[in-house]
Amino acid sequence: MNAFDDVLAANTDYQKTFVDPGLPGRAAKGLAVVTCMDSRIDPLGMLGLSPGDAKILRTAGARVTDDVLRSLVLAHYLLGVDRVMVLAHTDCGMAKARDEDVHAAVQQQAGIDSRSLDFRTISDQEATLRHDVQRVRSSPYLPKGMPVVGGVYDVRSGAVTVTVP
């Protein structure tokens, strides 16, 4: 059995009922959401959005990396994005470890020196969120004054609270 047989079989079933909705590649609601890769998060559902409404960028810890900024520039100039939400979440694994812990785990489990990677773990979620929102706001490649907020999604209640207006 192949490691991907289950998902490829599911895709075969999906294709049987798939109907192309004819959506354009632009974000219909002009929104980009930067959130965590945590599998408990449904970015569209938690914000009352539908496919095609927003561009979703997912990173470990909802961190605004250089690649997220690159994607936001493309999303703004080519795909209709004119506002950004950075949404961290409660019970985030990135806030439960330090980069040193991750490097040690990789070394112990795989014998690989991963110190050339910056895992961007989170020691203070609120301060990190403020920092990441400011990274978007201060990007020289995005319009000054573009609306950007930061918030936290509660994985237990489903509530989104804006903490960086």
C-alpha atoms as a PDB file:
ATOM      1  CA  MET A   1       0.000   0.000   0.000  1.00  0.00           C
ATOM      2  CA  ASN A   2       1.273   3.437  -0.980  1.00  0.00           C
ATOM      3  CA  ALA A   3       1.402   6.181   1.656  1.00  0.00           C
ATOM      4  CA  PHE A   4      -1.019   8.251  -0.448  1.00  0.00           C
ATOM      5  CA  ASP A   5      -3.509   5.611  -1.603  1.00  0.00           C
ATOM      6  CA  ASP A   6      -6.189   6.801   0.824  1.00  0.00           C
ATOM      7  CA  VAL A   7      -6.191  10.417  -0.306  1.00  0.00           C
ATOM      8  CA  LEU A   8      -5.868   9.535  -3.990  1.00  0.00           C
ATOM      9  CA  ALA A   9      -8.813   7.142  -3.697  1.00  0.00           C
ATOM     10  CA  ALA A  10     -10.796   9.901  -1.984  1.00  0.00           C
ATOM     11  CA  ASN A  11      -9.910  12.221  -4.858  1.00  0.00           C
ATOM     12  CA  THR A  12     -11.205   9.679  -7.362  1.00  0.00           C
ATOM     13  CA  ASP A  13     -14.536   9.719  -5.507  1.00  0.00           C
ATOM     14  CA  TYR A  14     -14.463  13.529  -5.312  1.00  0.00           C
ATOM     15  CA  GLN A  15     -14.020  13.833  -9.073  1.00  0.00           C
ATOM     16  CA  LYS A  16     -17.229  11.886  -9.657  1.00  0.00           C
ATOM     17  CA  THR A  17     -19.374  14.654  -8.182  1.00  0.00           C
ATOM     18  CA  PHE A  18     -17.100  17.641  -8.778  1.00  0.00           C
ATOM     19  CA  VAL A  19     -18.626  20.527 -10.678  1.00  0.00           C
ATOM     20  CA  ASP A  20     -16.381  23.404 -11.697  1.00  0.00           C
ATOM     21  CA  PRO A  21     -17.889  26.431  -9.948  1.00  0.00           C
ATOM     22  CA  GLY A  22     -16.242  28.729 -12.486  1.00  0.00           C
ATOM     23  CA  LEU A  23     -14.713  30.926  -9.803  1.00  0.00           C
ATOM     24  CA  PRO A  24     -12.073  33.441 -10.875  1.00  0.00           C
ATOM     25  CA  GLY A  25      -8.673  33.392  -9.183  1.00  0.00           C
ATOM     26  CA  ARG A  26      -9.300  36.777  -7.559  1.00  0.00           C
ATOM     27  CA  ALA A  27     -10.348  37.113  -3.905  1.00  0.00           C
ATOM     28  CA  ALA A  28     -14.034  38.054  -4.204  1.00  0.00           C
ATOM     29  CA  LYS A  29     -14.061  39.756  -0.782  1.00  0.00           C
ATOM     30  CA  GLY A  30     -10.605  41.301  -1.195  1.00  0.00           C
ATOM     31  CA  LEU A  31      -9.359  39.462   1.891  1.00  0.00           C
ATOM     32  CA  ALA A  32      -6.187  37.571   2.673  1.00  0.00           C
ATOM     33  CA  VAL A  33      -6.061  35.489   5.842  1.00  0.00           C
ATOM     34  CA  VAL A  34      -2.707  34.473   7.291  1.00  0.00           C
ATOM     35  CA  THR A  35      -3.292  31.658   9.754  1.00  0.00           C
ATOM     36  CA  CYS A  36      -1.647  28.590  11.206  1.00  0.00           C
ATOM     37  CA  MET A  37      -1.315  25.227   9.498  1.00  0.00           C
ATOM     38  CA  ASP A  38      -3.075  23.609  12.483  1.00  0.00           C
ATOM     39  CA  SER A  39      -5.581  21.105  11.097  1.00  0.00           C
ATOM     40  CA  ARG A  40      -8.255  22.222  13.589  1.00  0.00           C
ATOM     41  CA  ILE A  41      -8.607  25.544  11.776  1.00  0.00           C
ATOM     42  CA  ASP A  42     -11.199  26.018   9.019  1.00  0.00           C
ATOM     43  CA  PRO A  43     -10.305  29.512   7.758  1.00  0.00           C
ATOM     44  CA  LEU A  44     -13.318  29.888   5.472  1.00  0.00           C
ATOM     45  CA  GLY A  45     -15.838  28.494   7.944  1.00  0.00           C
ATOM     46  CA  MET A  46     -14.666  30.520  10.929  1.00  0.00           C
ATOM     47  CA  LEU A  47     -15.119  33.777   9.019  1.00  0.00           C
ATOM     48  CA  GLY A  48     -18.319  32.923   7.166  1.00  0.00           C
ATOM     49  CA  LEU A  49     -16.533  32.796   3.824  1.00  0.00           C
ATOM     50  CA  SER A  50     -17.004  30.609   0.770  1.00  0.00           C
ATOM     51  CA  PRO A  51     -14.456  29.238  -1.705  1.00  0.00           C
ATOM     52  CA  GLY A  52     -13.232  32.119  -3.856  1.00  0.00           C
ATOM     53  CA  ASP A  53     -13.813  34.799  -1.221  1.00  0.00           C
ATOM     54  CA  ALA A  54     -10.296  35.039   0.214  1.00  0.00           C
ATOM     55  CA  LYS A  55      -6.688  34.038  -0.222  1.00  0.00           C
ATOM     56  CA  ILE A  56      -5.585  31.752   2.616  1.00  0.00           C
ATOM     57  CA  LEU A  57      -1.905  31.623   3.590  1.00  0.00           C
ATOM     58  CA  ARG A  58      -0.965  29.033   6.190  1.00  0.00           C
ATOM     59  CA  THR A  59       2.290  28.819   8.101  1.00  0.00           C
ATOM     60  CA  ALA A  60       3.341  27.199  11.358  1.00  0.00           C
ATOM     61  CA  GLY A  61       2.183  29.612  14.053  1.00  0.00           C
ATOM     62  CA  ALA A  62       0.555  31.982  11.533  1.00  0.00           C
ATOM     63  CA  ARG A  63       3.937  33.661  11.229  1.00  0.00           C
ATOM     64  CA  VAL A  64       4.457  36.403   8.644  1.00  0.00           C
ATOM     65  CA  THR A  65       7.557  35.133   6.888  1.00  0.00           C
ATOM     66  CA  ASP A  66       9.289  36.582   3.840  1.00  0.00           C
ATOM     67  CA  ASP A  67       7.346  34.102   1.719  1.00  0.00           C
ATOM     68  CA  VAL A  68       4.035  35.259   3.229  1.00  0.00           C
ATOM     69  CA  LEU A  69       4.970  38.852   2.356  1.00  0.00           C
ATOM     70  CA  ARG A  70       5.834  37.752  -1.193  1.00  0.00           C
ATOM     71  CA  SER A  71       2.470  36.022  -1.452  1.00  0.00           C
ATOM     72  CA  LEU A  72       0.629  39.063  -0.100  1.00  0.00           C
ATOM     73  CA  VAL A  73       2.277  41.305  -2.686  1.00  0.00           C
ATOM     74  CA  LEU A  74       1.176  38.939  -5.457  1.00  0.00           C
ATOM     75  CA  ALA A  75      -2.299  38.664  -3.903  1.00  0.00           C
ATOM     76  CA  HIS A  76      -2.667  42.438  -3.765  1.00  0.00           C
ATOM     77  CA  TYR A  77      -1.382  43.360  -7.212  1.00  0.00           C
ATOM     78  CA  LEU A  78      -2.700  40.375  -9.159  1.00  0.00           C
ATOM     79  CA  LEU A  79      -5.530  38.774  -7.183  1.00  0.00           C
ATOM     80  CA  GLY A  80      -7.665  41.546  -5.704  1.00  0.00           C
ATOM     81  CA  VAL A  81      -6.555  41.483  -2.070  1.00  0.00           C
ATOM     82  CA  ASP A  82      -6.956  44.833  -0.349  1.00  0.00           C
ATOM     83  CA  ARG A  83      -7.083  43.817   3.345  1.00  0.00           C
ATOM     84  CA  VAL A  84      -5.277  41.287   5.541  1.00  0.00           C
ATOM     85  CA  MET A  85      -6.120  39.393   8.720  1.00  0.00           C
ATOM     86  CA  VAL A  86      -3.334  37.654  10.629  1.00  0.00           C
ATOM     87  CA  LEU A  87      -4.994  35.028  12.827  1.00  0.00           C
ATOM     88  CA  ALA A  88      -3.061  33.109  15.447  1.00  0.00           C
ATOM     89  CA  HIS A  89      -4.908  30.570  17.599  1.00  0.00           C
ATOM     90  CA  THR A  90      -5.144  29.193  21.095  1.00  0.00           C
ATOM     91  CA  ASP A  91      -3.342  25.959  22.009  1.00  0.00           C
ATOM     92  CA  CYS A  92      -0.719  26.544  19.308  1.00  0.00           C
ATOM     93  CA  GLY A  93       2.168  24.094  19.204  1.00  0.00           C
ATOM     94  CA  MET A  94       4.512  26.871  18.106  1.00  0.00           C
ATOM     95  CA  ALA A  95       3.959  28.545  21.492  1.00  0.00           C
ATOM     96  CA  LYS A  96       4.795  25.347  23.368  1.00  0.00           C
ATOM     97  CA  ALA A  97       8.381  24.944  22.185  1.00  0.00           C
ATOM     98  CA  ARG A  98      11.488  26.982  21.554  1.00  0.00           C
ATOM     99  CA  ASP A  99      13.603  26.815  18.424  1.00  0.00           C
ATOM    100  CA  GLU A 100      16.264  25.049  20.512  1.00  0.00           C
ATOM    101  CA  ASP A 101      13.730  22.349  21.425  1.00  0.00           C
ATOM    102  CA  VAL A 102      12.839  21.747  17.784  1.00  0.00           C
ATOM    103  CA  HIS A 103      16.508  21.580  16.751  1.00  0.00           C
ATOM    104  CA  ALA A 104      17.162  19.085  19.552  1.00  0.00           C
ATOM    105  CA  ALA A 105      14.176  16.936  18.495  1.00  0.00           C
ATOM    106  CA  VAL A 106      15.333  16.862  14.876  1.00  0.00           C
ATOM    107  CA  GLN A 107      18.871  15.977  15.976  1.00  0.00           C
ATOM    108  CA  GLN A 108      17.666  13.251  18.332  1.00  0.00           C
ATOM    109  CA  GLN A 109      15.102  11.692  15.989  1.00  0.00           C
ATOM    110  CA  ALA A 110      16.873  12.030  12.638  1.00  0.00           C
ATOM    111  CA  GLY A 111      20.500  12.849  13.427  1.00  0.00           C
ATOM    112  CA  ILE A 112      20.212  16.019  11.353  1.00  0.00           C
ATOM    113  CA  ASP A 113      21.596  19.435  12.292  1.00  0.00           C
ATOM    114  CA  SER A 114      18.697  21.813  11.554  1.00  0.00           C
ATOM    115  CA  ARG A 115      20.251  24.956  13.016  1.00  0.00           C
ATOM    116  CA  SER A 116      20.247  26.639   9.599  1.00  0.00           C
ATOM    117  CA  LEU A 117      16.427  26.775   9.870  1.00  0.00           C
ATOM    118  CA  ASP A 118      14.615  29.462  11.843  1.00  0.00           C
ATOM    119  CA  PHE A 119      11.456  27.797  13.144  1.00  0.00           C
ATOM    120  CA  ARG A 120      10.054  31.090  14.491  1.00  0.00           C
ATOM    121  CA  THR A 121       8.586  29.547  17.611  1.00  0.00           C
ATOM    122  CA  ILE A 122       6.523  31.877  19.794  1.00  0.00           C
ATOM    123  CA  SER A 123       7.414  32.847  23.363  1.00  0.00           C
ATOM    124  CA  ASP A 124       4.814  35.652  23.628  1.00  0.00           C
ATOM    125  CA  GLN A 125       1.858  35.186  21.285  1.00  0.00           C
ATOM    126  CA  GLU A 126       0.485  38.733  21.651  1.00  0.00           C
ATOM    127  CA  ALA A 127       3.861  40.390  21.052  1.00  0.00           C
ATOM    128  CA  THR A 128       4.538  38.066  18.115  1.00  0.00           C
ATOM    129  CA  LEU A 129       1.154  38.875  16.595  1.00  0.00           C
ATOM    130  CA  ARG A 130       1.774  42.627  16.941  1.00  0.00           C
ATOM    131  CA  HIS A 131       5.192  42.172  15.325  1.00  0.00           C
ATOM    132  CA  ASP A 132       3.820  40.145  12.420  1.00  0.00           C
ATOM    133  CA  VAL A 133       0.960  42.598  11.778  1.00  0.00           C
ATOM    134  CA  GLN A 134       3.532  45.400  11.733  1.00  0.00           C
ATOM    135  CA  ARG A 135       5.628  43.453   9.202  1.00  0.00           C
ATOM    136  CA  VAL A 136       2.676  43.496   6.817  1.00  0.00           C
ATOM    137  CA  ARG A 137       1.806  47.138   7.524  1.00  0.00           C
ATOM    138  CA  SER A 138       5.365  48.314   6.988  1.00  0.00           C
ATOM    139  CA  SER A 139       6.112  46.340   3.841  1.00  0.00           C
ATOM    140  CA  PRO A 140       7.382  48.785   1.208  1.00  0.00           C
ATOM    141  CA  TYR A 141       5.684  46.650  -1.461  1.00  0.00           C
ATOM    142  CA  LEU A 142       2.149  46.946  -0.076  1.00  0.00           C
ATOM    143  CA  PRO A 143       0.042  50.108  -0.046  1.00  0.00           C
ATOM    144  CA  LYS A 144       0.450  52.365   2.959  1.00  0.00           C
ATOM    145  CA  GLY A 145      -2.759  52.327   4.957  1.00  0.00           C
ATOM    146  CA  MET A 146      -3.928  48.947   3.671  1.00  0.00           C
ATOM    147  CA  PRO A 147      -6.184  47.559   6.429  1.00  0.00           C
ATOM    148  CA  VAL A 148      -4.358  44.893   8.460  1.00  0.00           C
ATOM    149  CA  VAL A 149      -5.559  43.412  11.746  1.00  0.00           C
ATOM    150  CA  GLY A 150      -4.369  40.635  13.998  1.00  0.00           C
ATOM    151  CA  GLY A 151      -6.438  38.295  16.071  1.00  0.00           C
ATOM    152  CA  VAL A 152      -6.678  34.999  17.860  1.00  0.00           C
ATOM    153  CA  TYR A 153      -8.968  32.119  16.969  1.00  0.00           C
ATOM    154  CA  ASP A 154     -10.111  30.048  19.943  1.00  0.00           C
ATOM    155  CA  VAL A 155      -9.950  26.382  18.883  1.00  0.00           C
ATOM    156  CA  ARG A 156     -12.389  25.398  21.654  1.00  0.00           C
ATOM    157  CA  SER A 157     -15.147  28.013  21.133  1.00  0.00           C
ATOM    158  CA  GLY A 158     -14.669  29.020  17.484  1.00  0.00           C
ATOM    159  CA  ALA A 159     -14.477  32.713  18.465  1.00  0.00           C
ATOM    160  CA  VAL A 160     -12.171  35.135  16.677  1.00  0.00           C
ATOM    161  CA  THR A 161     -11.006  38.058  18.805  1.00  0.00           C
ATOM    162  CA  VAL A 162      -9.213  40.979  17.185  1.00  0.00           C
ATOM    163  CA  THR A 163      -6.319  41.842  19.479  1.00  0.00           C
ATOM    164  CA  VAL A 164      -4.331  44.059  17.098  1.00  0.00           C
ATOM    165  CA  PRO A 165      -6.839  46.521  15.573  1.00  0.00           C
END
